[in-house]
Amino acid sequence: MAAKVEPKTLEEAIEEINLDEVPSTSTHPPHTSSCTVIPTVSLVTLPKFTCQERYDIYCKEVKIAACRPSQVLHRVHLYLEENLANKHWMAMWRGPYGGDFPRTVDILVKVEDVCGDQAQVSLVDPLVCNEATVPREVVDAQLRELEYTLDITELFPVDIDHDEDDSSEEEGGEGVRGVGSNERMGMVKEQERIAQIVHHARFYFENLRRDWDDEDEGEHSFDAYLRARLQLYYDVITGLVPAPLVQRYDRTMAKYLVRRRELLDYQARIQSEGEPTNSEAVECWRKYYEVLMLSGLLQIWETLQLRTEGPCFPRVLRRTKGPRADGYTVTHIVVDKLTPAMLRSFHDDAVMQQHKTPQSALQQSHEGDIILIFPGTYSGEGFHELTESITIKGEGERDDIIIEAIPYDDLFVNVSSADVTIENITFNQADNTEGILRVESGHARLVNCLLRCDGTGVTVREGASITMRGCTITGAKGPGIELMAGCTADLDGNHIHHYPLDVDVEQPGKGGIHLHVIDPPKAKLSNNQICGEGGVGITMGRHRASRLAAHETKQAEGDAPTMRTINDKADLVKNMVNIEMSNNTFEDLAV
């Protein structure tokens, strides 16, 4: 009886996905022969294209910008056939090689013809490969299984102008030695042209193609998608999109590919069995809508406004439950082991519940409840949707009560409740894209908290309010606290330690506290210590940041009209924002 094959988990399936490789389709015996190794075979070197250059290429040469989305793939196939059909050229096939450790190897092939995105190839004789241990018979067997047809994206044209590339001439007459210089130059130019065509096709399939384009039958052109996807690609490679977001996107794309493959396999199976049952039809629809949802999330990435002005993934916040119907409030105790000593300070009629994690306590809280967290290190799950008016307090030393962010989540702590108090807790941020704390709406009160930032710090959104007493913000890259238009802030006795991304005197970055002055926030700042490089303490910005620092600021030559020189700080504060300041100190870390 054959052994039962356990289904792969999603994580196992995702691990197998590599967009640069194709899974091996054959097995082979142990290595029995060697091949000719020519390590000096080089590929055609192509220039680096800018975003605009690539856009022009796909508009004028490949001509996909004016196509409907569902027609783009057909147009790319035509582009390849028009330029490569019936042409013979040499390329390195980065083909899959199985065995105990699947990988790719470079094998020299001759391309005989191109149809769509598939190329008919043959092996050169003798076998030319970058690994001497690859047997010829294995490569032959694999190509026969593929009917000597390869994806064009697996082929990389070689530089036939290289002195060592003519080695195959003696055996098979495939070289270009002996031809005239003009003819040879023409062959070199032709090979370079072929390399560019293949490169443009490969870039399309790897970075611009989306499966859902084929189903988009709208009348609109592909141009908007082309611009957005090119911009996304260049924003990623230049670092404008933070690394955590890139990893989040890659994980979502991998999940989409797995789920789509599962959907197609499931549809094929139930169709082969005849009329599907009701349960099979329901399951098929469920899989379809999951794939549809994932594709929708990925499409959000192509909307530049959402990527620059807000989170790249929508979040679903819980609705507030309000007070309990019986009027009782509950004290939730978060601790691994509850001891009698922990209960001595409570009244006899206190209603208490014990939890292993803060997430469990948050999920069961109602308005007016208190969550007491005893010393330990806990996951930050559940803090991204604080919707109840509750008090969350650490019992013991602040440094001993640690809440750690979930890496790569959009948010760490997000407040959207009428009034939430967080006291005596340390929050450790790790690779979160939207900062360590955001007050989305309502009011957040922070007392004696330590916020260790890995990225940005605290953001108070439009119309929300924050009160901070005796808190420390450390390690913020950019503003420690950013106050958006129309919000309210009361900051007293806090220590803000930030590292601005741009400390250029002529174009200063955001300071330890940054205020938006169109519909200015109402802020009261007293007894705060703000430390940062370049002496940037508080900044205010409309289109570009103005500087209010501990030292005198001079006007740089050629400043744009939106920049304002600060000669009288008190006058600037009075005229630009509704702010009260007293006894704040600024420290320049660069000195």
Foldseek 3Di string as FASTA:
>chain_A
DDDDDDDDDLVVLLVPDDPLADDADDDDDFQDFWFDEDPPWAFDDDDDDDLVRLLCCCCPQLNQQFAQLLCNLVSLQVSCQVQFAQDKAKWWFQHWDDDPDIGTWTKIWIWGGGGRQKTQIGHQPPIYINDGRDHPVVVVVRCVVVVSIDGLLRITTTQLVDPPNQVSCVPHNPHDPPDDPVVVVVVRVSSNVSRVSSVSSNCCVSQQDDPCSSVRPDPGGCNLSSSLSSVLVVCVVVCVQPPLVVVVLSVLVSSLVVLVVVLVVLVVVQVVVPDHDPVSVVVSVVSVVVSVVSVVLNVLSSPVCCRVPHDSGDDDADAAPAADPVRAAEEEEADPDDDPVVCPVDDPPHHYHYDPAVQVVQVPHHAAYEYEYEFDEHEQPNQCHRAHAYEYEYDDAQVRAEYEYDASAQARHEAAYQHYEYESHEYEYHHHNNAHYEDPAHEYEYEAYEYETPEAAYEYDAHHEYEYYQYEYEAYAAANYEYEAHYEYEYEQYEQYYEYPDLDLQAHGAANYEWEQPNTYAYEEENYEGEYANQFHYWYAHPGIEGDGPDARDHDPPRDPRYDHPPDVVVCCVPGHNYHYYNYHIHHPND
